Amino acid sequence: MRIKVLLNVLIVAIAMMVGATVHAASACKGLSKNKCAAGCTWVDSYKTKTGSSVSGYCRAKPGKAAGAVKEKAKKAKATATDKMQKAKPAAAASNAKDAKSKAKKAGKDKADKMKKKAKDKAKKKADKAKAKADKKLKSAK
């Protein structure tokens, strides 16, 4: 259930970012020199190194479109995060408590196993020493 919600939020955020990128890229595209608006800049015609001529065009100012996209993505992420937090704050807290108690129990179980193992090892060692001592006593008689 929780994974589905996260997946849906992620899909919506990606869709918003893609839509914002397309929108920002097309804001200046195709404008004439006298209609090239604020946030856009006119690039005069020029020739490339290979000799091809490129006619003048209007484009987004460097950093302006990217900033707009970043802002929209940031807002989308904040909105998605707010929705997730509002959706199930009690469930999230409950899951966190459950995870914490499970980790604590697992740690306790592991510690108990280690103690038992050490105790068994010490008992085996003591039994071995006792058997050795008994053997010496029998051979001395």
Protein backbone atom coordinates (compact mmCIF):
# COMPACT_ATOMS: atom_id res chain seq x y z
CA MET A 1 0.00 0.00 0.00
CA ARG A 2 2.71 2.43 1.01
CA ILE A 3 4.83 1.54 -2.02
CA LYS A 4 1.88 2.23 -4.34
CA VAL A 5 1.42 5.70 -2.84
CA LEU A 6 5.13 6.47 -3.20
CA LEU A 7 5.15 5.19 -6.77
CA ASN A 8 2.13 7.34 -7.68
CA VAL A 9 3.73 10.43 -6.13
CA LEU A 10 6.98 9.74 -7.99
CA ILE A 11 5.15 9.36 -11.31
CA VAL A 12 3.28 12.63 -10.77
CA ALA A 13 6.50 14.46 -9.85
CA ILE A 14 8.29 13.16 -12.95
CA ALA A 15 5.34 14.10 -15.15
CA MET A 16 5.37 17.62 -13.72
CA MET A 17 9.10 17.98 -14.30
CA VAL A 18 8.84 16.75 -17.89
CA GLY A 19 5.90 19.05 -18.54
CA ALA A 20 7.76 21.99 -16.98
CA THR A 21 10.84 21.28 -19.10
CA VAL A 22 8.85 21.19 -22.31
CA HIS A 23 6.98 24.35 -21.33
CA ALA A 24 10.16 26.24 -20.42
CA ALA A 25 11.92 25.18 -23.62
CA SER A 26 9.02 26.25 -25.85
CA ALA A 27 8.38 29.65 -24.21
CA CYS A 28 10.86 31.45 -26.48
CA LYS A 29 10.92 29.04 -29.40
CA GLY A 30 9.67 30.40 -32.70
CA LEU A 31 9.41 34.05 -31.62
CA SER A 32 10.51 36.73 -34.06
CA LYS A 33 13.28 39.22 -33.19
CA ASN A 34 10.86 41.98 -32.11
CA LYS A 35 8.68 39.54 -30.10
CA CYS A 36 11.57 37.90 -28.24
CA ALA A 37 10.32 38.60 -24.69
CA ALA A 38 11.85 38.98 -21.22
CA GLY A 39 13.54 35.79 -20.08
CA CYS A 40 14.53 35.20 -23.71
CA THR A 41 17.40 36.44 -25.81
CA TRP A 42 17.85 36.87 -29.55
CA VAL A 43 20.75 35.02 -31.17
CA ASP A 44 21.86 36.69 -34.42
CA SER A 45 22.47 34.61 -37.53
CA TYR A 46 25.94 33.12 -37.91
CA LYS A 47 28.05 30.63 -39.87
CA THR A 48 29.37 27.41 -38.35
CA LYS A 49 32.93 26.11 -38.77
CA THR A 50 31.69 23.82 -41.50
CA GLY A 51 30.29 26.80 -43.43
CA SER A 52 26.60 26.20 -42.78
CA SER A 53 24.57 29.32 -42.08
CA VAL A 54 22.25 29.44 -39.12
CA SER A 55 19.49 32.01 -39.15
CA GLY A 56 18.77 34.11 -36.06
CA TYR A 57 16.46 32.72 -33.37
CA CYS A 58 14.99 33.48 -29.98
CA ARG A 59 16.06 31.28 -27.05
CA ALA A 60 15.71 31.18 -23.28
CA LYS A 61 18.41 33.03 -21.38
CA PRO A 62 20.98 30.64 -19.91
CA GLY A 63 19.96 29.62 -16.42
CA LYS A 64 16.52 31.23 -16.58
CA ALA A 65 14.59 28.29 -17.98
CA ALA A 66 16.52 25.82 -15.86
CA GLY A 67 15.71 27.90 -12.76
CA ALA A 68 12.02 27.87 -13.64
CA VAL A 69 12.10 24.12 -14.11
CA LYS A 70 13.92 23.68 -10.80
CA GLU A 71 11.36 25.86 -9.03
CA LYS A 72 8.43 23.92 -10.48
CA ALA A 73 10.09 20.61 -9.59
CA LYS A 74 10.78 21.89 -6.08
CA LYS A 75 7.13 22.94 -5.66
CA ALA A 76 5.90 19.61 -7.01
CA LYS A 77 8.16 17.74 -4.62
CA ALA A 78 6.99 19.86 -1.68
CA THR A 79 3.35 19.30 -2.63
CA ALA A 80 3.89 15.55 -2.97
CA THR A 81 5.68 15.44 0.37
CA ASP A 82 2.88 17.41 2.04
CA LYS A 83 0.27 15.06 0.59
CA MET A 84 2.19 12.03 1.81
CA GLN A 85 2.58 13.50 5.29
CA LYS A 86 -1.09 14.39 5.51
CA ALA A 87 -2.20 11.04 4.08
CA LYS A 88 -0.98 8.74 6.83
CA PRO A 89 0.99 10.38 9.63
CA ALA A 90 -0.33 7.90 12.20
CA ALA A 91 0.52 4.92 10.00
CA ALA A 92 4.03 6.25 9.41
CA ALA A 93 4.55 6.71 13.14
CA SER A 94 3.16 3.25 13.78
CA ASN A 95 5.45 1.73 11.14
CA ALA A 96 8.44 3.52 12.63
CA LYS A 97 7.58 2.19 16.11
CA ASP A 98 7.09 -1.32 14.73
CA ALA A 99 10.43 -1.19 12.94
CA LYS A 100 12.16 0.09 16.05
CA SER A 101 10.65 -2.61 18.26
CA LYS A 102 11.53 -5.31 15.70
CA ALA A 103 15.12 -4.07 15.55
CA LYS A 104 15.30 -4.00 19.33
CA LYS A 105 13.88 -7.52 19.56
CA ALA A 106 16.25 -8.78 16.87
CA GLY A 107 19.18 -7.22 18.75
CA LYS A 108 18.01 -8.81 21.99
CA ASP A 109 17.56 -12.19 20.32
CA LYS A 110 21.05 -11.98 18.85
CA ALA A 111 22.53 -11.01 22.21
CA ASP A 112 20.70 -13.91 23.89
CA LYS A 113 22.01 -16.34 21.27
CA MET A 114 25.56 -15.06 21.76
CA LYS A 115 25.29 -15.42 25.56
CA LYS A 116 23.95 -18.97 25.22
CA LYS A 117 26.72 -19.87 22.79
CA ALA A 118 29.39 -18.50 25.15
CA LYS A 119 27.80 -20.33 28.08
CA ASP A 120 27.69 -23.61 26.13
CA LYS A 121 31.30 -23.15 25.07
CA ALA A 122 32.39 -22.53 28.67
CA LYS A 123 30.42 -25.58 29.85
CA LYS A 124 32.06 -27.76 27.18
CA LYS A 125 35.48 -26.51 28.20
CA ALA A 126 34.74 -27.22 31.88
CA ASP A 127 33.43 -30.72 31.04
CA LYS A 128 36.56 -31.41 29.01
CA ALA A 129 38.79 -30.26 31.87
CA LYS A 130 36.81 -32.40 34.34
CA ALA A 131 37.08 -35.44 32.09
CA LYS A 132 40.83 -34.88 31.77
CA ALA A 133 41.19 -34.57 35.56
CA ASP A 134 39.12 -37.74 36.10
CA LYS A 135 41.30 -39.58 33.61
CA LYS A 136 44.46 -38.51 35.47
CA LEU A 137 42.96 -39.65 38.77
CA LYS A 138 42.09 -43.06 37.35
CA SER A 139 45.55 -43.51 35.85
CA ALA A 140 47.18 -42.45 39.16
CA LYS A 141 45.35 -45.18 41.10
